[in-house]
Amino acid sequence: MVLDKKHQRLYVSGIGRKGKGLLWVVDTHKQALDKTLEKLEPVGFAVDGAGDKVYVVSGAGELITLDGKTSQPLARVKVDPADPEHYFLNIALNTAKGVGYIADTNTKDVLVVELNSGKLLHRVPTPNSVAVLYNAARDEVYVTHRNDRQISVIDATNNRLKHTIKTAAMPNSLALSADARTLYASVKQDEKANNADYVLKIDLTQF
């Protein structure tokens, strides 16, 4: 789910394979379902409030652009059609540069795409990914690699890996402090482990 505060809409993905996924658009002012978009296979979202756009990544390896004012699709592009194994999970926006960073749970590398066209610009060599977050204050991208038990810190100025942070268990979601100096990562345990899940606090000024 992602909230578009400007247009008072909540976007919710109903994940389904082979074109059976749904995207529910909830009017948060009326507290009611506004519309349902079918055959999208939506998974992750990111809102560009200033540009009145919502970007959706799909399990079919697509970047879908929605009109933020109407929630209607404007464009739908296969980012890397040569690889049918893509399953995009999340996207983070760098609107100043007009690019998005896509996390893929099935294949390696973080994909850097041009938002206007969906064109694949770069591949940042990493393991397969779960969450991705852009930090404009530091011009960095953070990515969790659940299976490899690590977090990547990517320099957004050149799309190169700056640091790798090892974790004791499986890093999952990410959040940034208001001052952009601290990164929080939820870390989940293996199903067979008896240990509790936890939140990792990372001081970004140490890098």
C-alpha atoms as a PDB file:
ATOM      1  CA  MET A   1       0.000   0.000   0.000  1.00  0.00           C
ATOM      2  CA  VAL A   2       1.005   3.611  -0.512  1.00  0.00           C
ATOM      3  CA  LEU A   3      -0.769   6.821   0.485  1.00  0.00           C
ATOM      4  CA  ASP A   4      -1.107   9.813  -1.838  1.00  0.00           C
ATOM      5  CA  LYS A   5      -1.793  12.578   0.671  1.00  0.00           C
ATOM      6  CA  LYS A   6      -2.160  15.303  -1.943  1.00  0.00           C
ATOM      7  CA  HIS A   7      -5.023  13.590  -3.777  1.00  0.00           C
ATOM      8  CA  GLN A   8      -6.386  11.741  -0.721  1.00  0.00           C
ATOM      9  CA  ARG A   9      -6.020   8.291  -2.209  1.00  0.00           C
ATOM     10  CA  LEU A  10      -4.689   5.008  -0.921  1.00  0.00           C
ATOM     11  CA  TYR A  11      -3.328   2.547  -3.490  1.00  0.00           C
ATOM     12  CA  VAL A  12      -3.554  -1.133  -2.565  1.00  0.00           C
ATOM     13  CA  SER A  13      -2.178  -4.035  -4.590  1.00  0.00           C
ATOM     14  CA  GLY A  14      -4.118  -7.259  -4.931  1.00  0.00           C
ATOM     15  CA  ILE A  15      -1.329  -9.534  -6.107  1.00  0.00           C
ATOM     16  CA  GLY A  16      -2.131 -12.148  -8.731  1.00  0.00           C
ATOM     17  CA  ARG A  17      -0.246 -13.941 -11.472  1.00  0.00           C
ATOM     18  CA  LYS A  18      -0.879 -13.962 -15.249  1.00  0.00           C
ATOM     19  CA  GLY A  19      -2.864 -10.748 -15.461  1.00  0.00           C
ATOM     20  CA  LYS A  20      -5.201 -11.506 -12.554  1.00  0.00           C
ATOM     21  CA  GLY A  21      -3.822  -8.897 -10.174  1.00  0.00           C
ATOM     22  CA  LEU A  22      -5.945  -5.942  -9.076  1.00  0.00           C
ATOM     23  CA  LEU A  23      -5.209  -2.388  -8.007  1.00  0.00           C
ATOM     24  CA  TRP A  24      -7.686  -0.884  -5.560  1.00  0.00           C
ATOM     25  CA  VAL A  25      -7.879   2.899  -5.275  1.00  0.00           C
ATOM     26  CA  VAL A  26      -9.429   4.056  -1.986  1.00  0.00           C
ATOM     27  CA  ASP A  27     -10.777   7.578  -1.474  1.00  0.00           C
ATOM     28  CA  THR A  28      -9.419   8.375   1.985  1.00  0.00           C
ATOM     29  CA  HIS A  29     -11.702  11.403   2.376  1.00  0.00           C
ATOM     30  CA  LYS A  30     -14.876   9.390   1.782  1.00  0.00           C
ATOM     31  CA  GLN A  31     -13.385   6.222   3.307  1.00  0.00           C
ATOM     32  CA  ALA A  32     -14.680   4.274   0.310  1.00  0.00           C
ATOM     33  CA  LEU A  33     -13.399   2.353  -2.693  1.00  0.00           C
ATOM     34  CA  ASP A  34     -13.026   4.758  -5.600  1.00  0.00           C
ATOM     35  CA  LYS A  35     -12.105   2.348  -8.397  1.00  0.00           C
ATOM     36  CA  THR A  36     -10.576  -1.014  -9.233  1.00  0.00           C
ATOM     37  CA  LEU A  37      -8.011  -1.404 -12.000  1.00  0.00           C
ATOM     38  CA  GLU A  38      -7.706  -4.913 -13.422  1.00  0.00           C
ATOM     39  CA  LYS A  39      -5.040  -6.914 -15.277  1.00  0.00           C
ATOM     40  CA  LEU A  40      -2.093  -4.989 -13.890  1.00  0.00           C
ATOM     41  CA  GLU A  41      -0.353  -7.448 -11.538  1.00  0.00           C
ATOM     42  CA  PRO A  42       0.624  -4.500  -9.301  1.00  0.00           C
ATOM     43  CA  VAL A  43       3.043  -5.059  -6.427  1.00  0.00           C
ATOM     44  CA  GLY A  44       4.848  -1.874  -5.320  1.00  0.00           C
ATOM     45  CA  PHE A  45       4.043   1.840  -5.610  1.00  0.00           C
ATOM     46  CA  ALA A  46       5.688   5.232  -5.291  1.00  0.00           C
ATOM     47  CA  VAL A  47       3.966   8.632  -5.392  1.00  0.00           C
ATOM     48  CA  ASP A  48       5.319  11.742  -7.093  1.00  0.00           C
ATOM     49  CA  GLY A  49       3.045  14.323  -5.511  1.00  0.00           C
ATOM     50  CA  ALA A  50       4.641  17.319  -7.201  1.00  0.00           C
ATOM     51  CA  GLY A  51       4.408  15.687 -10.621  1.00  0.00           C
ATOM     52  CA  ASP A  52       0.899  14.277 -10.048  1.00  0.00           C
ATOM     53  CA  LYS A  53       2.050  10.764 -10.920  1.00  0.00           C
ATOM     54  CA  VAL A  54       1.921   7.369  -9.251  1.00  0.00           C
ATOM     55  CA  TYR A  55       4.436   4.763 -10.373  1.00  0.00           C
ATOM     56  CA  VAL A  56       3.561   1.089 -10.097  1.00  0.00           C
ATOM     57  CA  VAL A  57       5.897  -1.872 -10.547  1.00  0.00           C
ATOM     58  CA  SER A  58       4.451  -5.242 -11.396  1.00  0.00           C
ATOM     59  CA  GLY A  59       5.120  -8.928 -11.084  1.00  0.00           C
ATOM     60  CA  ALA A  60       5.356  -8.991 -14.872  1.00  0.00           C
ATOM     61  CA  GLY A  61       8.412  -6.718 -14.937  1.00  0.00           C
ATOM     62  CA  GLU A  62       6.486  -3.597 -15.900  1.00  0.00           C
ATOM     63  CA  LEU A  63       6.615   0.062 -14.930  1.00  0.00           C
ATOM     64  CA  ILE A  64       3.093   1.486 -14.971  1.00  0.00           C
ATOM     65  CA  THR A  65       2.463   5.223 -14.696  1.00  0.00           C
ATOM     66  CA  LEU A  66      -0.854   6.476 -13.304  1.00  0.00           C
ATOM     67  CA  ASP A  67      -2.293   9.979 -13.429  1.00  0.00           C
ATOM     68  CA  GLY A  68      -2.226  11.162  -9.822  1.00  0.00           C
ATOM     69  CA  LYS A  69      -5.368  13.243 -10.322  1.00  0.00           C
ATOM     70  CA  THR A  70      -7.536  10.534 -11.880  1.00  0.00           C
ATOM     71  CA  SER A  71      -5.688   7.282 -10.999  1.00  0.00           C
ATOM     72  CA  GLN A  72      -5.994   6.228 -14.638  1.00  0.00           C
ATOM     73  CA  PRO A  73      -3.067   4.503 -16.423  1.00  0.00           C
ATOM     74  CA  LEU A  74      -0.956   6.789 -18.617  1.00  0.00           C
ATOM     75  CA  ALA A  75       1.793   4.381 -19.675  1.00  0.00           C
ATOM     76  CA  ARG A  76       2.765   0.733 -19.295  1.00  0.00           C
ATOM     77  CA  VAL A  77       6.263  -0.420 -20.231  1.00  0.00           C
ATOM     78  CA  LYS A  78       8.197  -3.693 -20.003  1.00  0.00           C
ATOM     79  CA  VAL A  79      11.450  -2.470 -18.517  1.00  0.00           C
ATOM     80  CA  ASP A  80      13.603  -5.435 -19.557  1.00  0.00           C
ATOM     81  CA  PRO A  81      11.579  -7.604 -21.959  1.00  0.00           C
ATOM     82  CA  ALA A  82      14.557  -9.844 -22.728  1.00  0.00           C
ATOM     83  CA  ASP A  83      14.333 -11.336 -19.214  1.00  0.00           C
ATOM     84  CA  PRO A  84      10.959 -12.992 -18.467  1.00  0.00           C
ATOM     85  CA  GLU A  85      11.968 -13.864 -14.885  1.00  0.00           C
ATOM     86  CA  HIS A  86      11.563 -10.350 -13.469  1.00  0.00           C
ATOM     87  CA  TYR A  87       9.230  -9.901 -10.507  1.00  0.00           C
ATOM     88  CA  PHE A  88       9.442  -6.274  -9.438  1.00  0.00           C
ATOM     89  CA  LEU A  89       8.695  -5.747  -5.772  1.00  0.00           C
ATOM     90  CA  ASN A  90       9.287  -2.069  -4.977  1.00  0.00           C
ATOM     91  CA  ILE A  91      10.330   1.233  -6.538  1.00  0.00           C
ATOM     92  CA  ALA A  92      11.932   4.370  -5.085  1.00  0.00           C
ATOM     93  CA  LEU A  93      11.888   7.741  -6.873  1.00  0.00           C
ATOM     94  CA  ASN A  94      14.601  10.288  -7.535  1.00  0.00           C
ATOM     95  CA  THR A  95      12.357  12.889  -9.157  1.00  0.00           C
ATOM     96  CA  ALA A  96      15.146  15.474  -9.381  1.00  0.00           C
ATOM     97  CA  LYS A  97      16.888  13.222 -11.900  1.00  0.00           C
ATOM     98  CA  GLY A  98      13.705  11.690 -13.286  1.00  0.00           C
ATOM     99  CA  VAL A  99      14.724   8.144 -12.422  1.00  0.00           C
ATOM    100  CA  GLY A 100      13.402   5.250 -10.384  1.00  0.00           C
ATOM    101  CA  TYR A 101      15.223   2.443  -8.583  1.00  0.00           C
ATOM    102  CA  ILE A 102      13.532  -0.948  -8.825  1.00  0.00           C
ATOM    103  CA  ALA A 103      13.967  -3.876  -6.431  1.00  0.00           C
ATOM    104  CA  ASP A 104      13.440  -7.315  -7.978  1.00  0.00           C
ATOM    105  CA  THR A 105      12.806 -10.357  -5.837  1.00  0.00           C
ATOM    106  CA  ASN A 106      13.500 -12.879  -8.616  1.00  0.00           C
ATOM    107  CA  THR A 107      16.593 -11.604 -10.388  1.00  0.00           C
ATOM    108  CA  LYS A 108      19.843  -9.916  -9.446  1.00  0.00           C
ATOM    109  CA  ASP A 109      20.695  -6.210  -9.775  1.00  0.00           C
ATOM    110  CA  VAL A 110      18.860  -3.021  -8.833  1.00  0.00           C
ATOM    111  CA  LEU A 111      17.454  -1.514 -12.029  1.00  0.00           C
ATOM    112  CA  VAL A 112      17.673   2.217 -12.671  1.00  0.00           C
ATOM    113  CA  VAL A 113      14.936   3.366 -15.058  1.00  0.00           C
ATOM    114  CA  GLU A 114      13.945   6.618 -16.706  1.00  0.00           C
ATOM    115  CA  LEU A 115      10.529   7.474 -15.294  1.00  0.00           C
ATOM    116  CA  ASN A 116       9.186   9.254 -18.367  1.00  0.00           C
ATOM    117  CA  SER A 117       9.915   6.411 -20.775  1.00  0.00           C
ATOM    118  CA  GLY A 118      10.502   3.312 -18.659  1.00  0.00           C
ATOM    119  CA  LYS A 119      13.881   2.934 -20.376  1.00  0.00           C
ATOM    120  CA  LEU A 120      16.443   0.826 -18.515  1.00  0.00           C
ATOM    121  CA  LEU A 121      19.436   3.094 -17.828  1.00  0.00           C
ATOM    122  CA  HIS A 122      21.665   1.125 -15.454  1.00  0.00           C
ATOM    123  CA  ARG A 123      22.013  -2.112 -13.555  1.00  0.00           C
ATOM    124  CA  VAL A 124      23.606  -1.874 -10.124  1.00  0.00           C
ATOM    125  CA  PRO A 125      25.179  -5.274  -9.342  1.00  0.00           C
ATOM    126  CA  THR A 126      23.479  -6.635  -6.201  1.00  0.00           C
ATOM    127  CA  PRO A 127      21.704  -9.799  -5.058  1.00  0.00           C
ATOM    128  CA  ASN A 128      17.944 -10.038  -5.532  1.00  0.00           C
ATOM    129  CA  SER A 129      16.114  -7.380  -3.505  1.00  0.00           C
ATOM    130  CA  VAL A 130      13.094  -6.645  -1.351  1.00  0.00           C
ATOM    131  CA  ALA A 131      12.874  -2.986  -0.312  1.00  0.00           C
ATOM    132  CA  VAL A 132      14.429   0.100  -1.879  1.00  0.00           C
ATOM    133  CA  LEU A 133      14.590   3.638  -0.480  1.00  0.00           C
ATOM    134  CA  TYR A 134      16.084   6.867  -1.877  1.00  0.00           C
ATOM    135  CA  ASN A 135      17.637   9.459   0.440  1.00  0.00           C
ATOM    136  CA  ALA A 136      17.694  12.829  -1.350  1.00  0.00           C
ATOM    137  CA  ALA A 137      19.685  14.528   1.413  1.00  0.00           C
ATOM    138  CA  ARG A 138      22.622  12.165   0.928  1.00  0.00           C
ATOM    139  CA  ASP A 139      21.888  11.170  -2.697  1.00  0.00           C
ATOM    140  CA  GLU A 140      21.980   7.512  -1.719  1.00  0.00           C
ATOM    141  CA  VAL A 141      19.834   4.456  -2.345  1.00  0.00           C
ATOM    142  CA  TYR A 142      19.332   1.726   0.262  1.00  0.00           C
ATOM    143  CA  VAL A 143      18.307  -1.799  -0.696  1.00  0.00           C
ATOM    144  CA  THR A 144      17.542  -4.866   1.413  1.00  0.00           C
ATOM    145  CA  HIS A 145      18.644  -8.310   0.266  1.00  0.00           C
ATOM    146  CA  ARG A 146      16.638 -10.712   2.369  1.00  0.00           C
ATOM    147  CA  ASN A 147      18.178 -14.010   1.266  1.00  0.00           C
ATOM    148  CA  ASP A 148      21.743 -12.705   1.393  1.00  0.00           C
ATOM    149  CA  ARG A 149      21.232 -11.042   4.790  1.00  0.00           C
ATOM    150  CA  GLN A 150      22.638  -7.695   3.828  1.00  0.00           C
ATOM    151  CA  ILE A 151      21.767  -4.094   2.966  1.00  0.00           C
ATOM    152  CA  SER A 152      23.342  -2.201   0.077  1.00  0.00           C
ATOM    153  CA  VAL A 153      24.199   1.492   0.144  1.00  0.00           C
ATOM    154  CA  ILE A 154      24.353   2.819  -3.425  1.00  0.00           C
ATOM    155  CA  ASP A 155      25.797   6.156  -4.524  1.00  0.00           C
ATOM    156  CA  ALA A 156      23.055   7.716  -6.652  1.00  0.00           C
ATOM    157  CA  THR A 157      25.501  10.093  -8.340  1.00  0.00           C
ATOM    158  CA  ASN A 158      27.178   7.241 -10.222  1.00  0.00           C
ATOM    159  CA  ASN A 159      24.975   4.190  -9.458  1.00  0.00           C
ATOM    160  CA  ARG A 160      27.834   2.359  -7.758  1.00  0.00           C
ATOM    161  CA  LEU A 161      27.827   0.332  -4.558  1.00  0.00           C
ATOM    162  CA  LYS A 162      29.319   2.315  -1.653  1.00  0.00           C
ATOM    163  CA  HIS A 163      28.842  -0.025   1.302  1.00  0.00           C
ATOM    164  CA  THR A 164      27.420  -3.391   2.242  1.00  0.00           C
ATOM    165  CA  ILE A 165      25.899  -3.790   5.698  1.00  0.00           C
ATOM    166  CA  LYS A 166      25.715  -7.377   6.918  1.00  0.00           C
ATOM    167  CA  THR A 167      22.766  -8.419   9.097  1.00  0.00           C
ATOM    168  CA  ALA A 168      22.369 -11.377  11.442  1.00  0.00           C
ATOM    169  CA  ALA A 169      18.994 -12.287   9.930  1.00  0.00           C
ATOM    170  CA  MET A 170      16.872 -11.271   6.925  1.00  0.00           C
ATOM    171  CA  PRO A 171      16.434  -7.515   6.316  1.00  0.00           C
ATOM    172  CA  ASN A 172      13.026  -6.581   4.993  1.00  0.00           C
ATOM    173  CA  SER A 173      11.513  -3.069   4.999  1.00  0.00           C
ATOM    174  CA  LEU A 174      13.192   0.348   5.284  1.00  0.00           C
ATOM    175  CA  ALA A 175      12.385   3.754   6.787  1.00  0.00           C
ATOM    176  CA  LEU A 176      14.323   6.991   7.049  1.00  0.00           C
ATOM    177  CA  SER A 177      14.456   9.439   9.963  1.00  0.00           C
ATOM    178  CA  ALA A 178      13.148  12.979   9.443  1.00  0.00           C
ATOM    179  CA  ASP A 179      16.686  14.390   9.352  1.00  0.00           C
ATOM    180  CA  ALA A 180      17.783  11.721   6.822  1.00  0.00           C
ATOM    181  CA  ARG A 181      20.732  10.746   9.042  1.00  0.00           C
ATOM    182  CA  THR A 182      19.375   7.443  10.377  1.00  0.00           C
ATOM    183  CA  LEU A 183      18.157   4.402   8.472  1.00  0.00           C
ATOM    184  CA  TYR A 184      15.810   1.870  10.071  1.00  0.00           C
ATOM    185  CA  ALA A 185      15.504  -1.676   8.743  1.00  0.00           C
ATOM    186  CA  SER A 186      13.115  -4.344   9.941  1.00  0.00           C
ATOM    187  CA  VAL A 187      14.923  -7.679  10.223  1.00  0.00           C
ATOM    188  CA  LYS A 188      13.000 -10.939  10.147  1.00  0.00           C
ATOM    189  CA  GLN A 189      14.129 -14.302  11.451  1.00  0.00           C
ATOM    190  CA  ASP A 190      14.130 -17.556   9.574  1.00  0.00           C
ATOM    191  CA  GLU A 191      10.898 -19.510  10.123  1.00  0.00           C
ATOM    192  CA  LYS A 192      12.824 -22.199  11.997  1.00  0.00           C
ATOM    193  CA  ALA A 193      14.526 -19.745  14.334  1.00  0.00           C
ATOM    194  CA  ASN A 194      13.202 -19.094  17.828  1.00  0.00           C
ATOM    195  CA  ASN A 195      14.573 -15.562  17.961  1.00  0.00           C
ATOM    196  CA  ALA A 196      12.389 -12.470  17.723  1.00  0.00           C
ATOM    197  CA  ASP A 197      12.283 -10.121  14.750  1.00  0.00           C
ATOM    198  CA  TYR A 198      13.888  -6.747  15.392  1.00  0.00           C
ATOM    199  CA  VAL A 199      14.563  -3.272  13.969  1.00  0.00           C
ATOM    200  CA  LEU A 200      18.104  -2.284  13.034  1.00  0.00           C
ATOM    201  CA  LYS A 201      19.101   1.374  13.546  1.00  0.00           C
ATOM    202  CA  ILE A 202      21.898   2.519  11.228  1.00  0.00           C
ATOM    203  CA  ASP A 203      23.764   5.794  11.673  1.00  0.00           C
ATOM    204  CA  LEU A 204      24.356   6.936   8.091  1.00  0.00           C
ATOM    205  CA  THR A 205      26.877   9.580   9.149  1.00  0.00           C
ATOM    206  CA  GLN A 206      29.351   6.770   9.880  1.00  0.00           C
ATOM    207  CA  PHE A 207      29.702   5.981   6.180  1.00  0.00           C
END
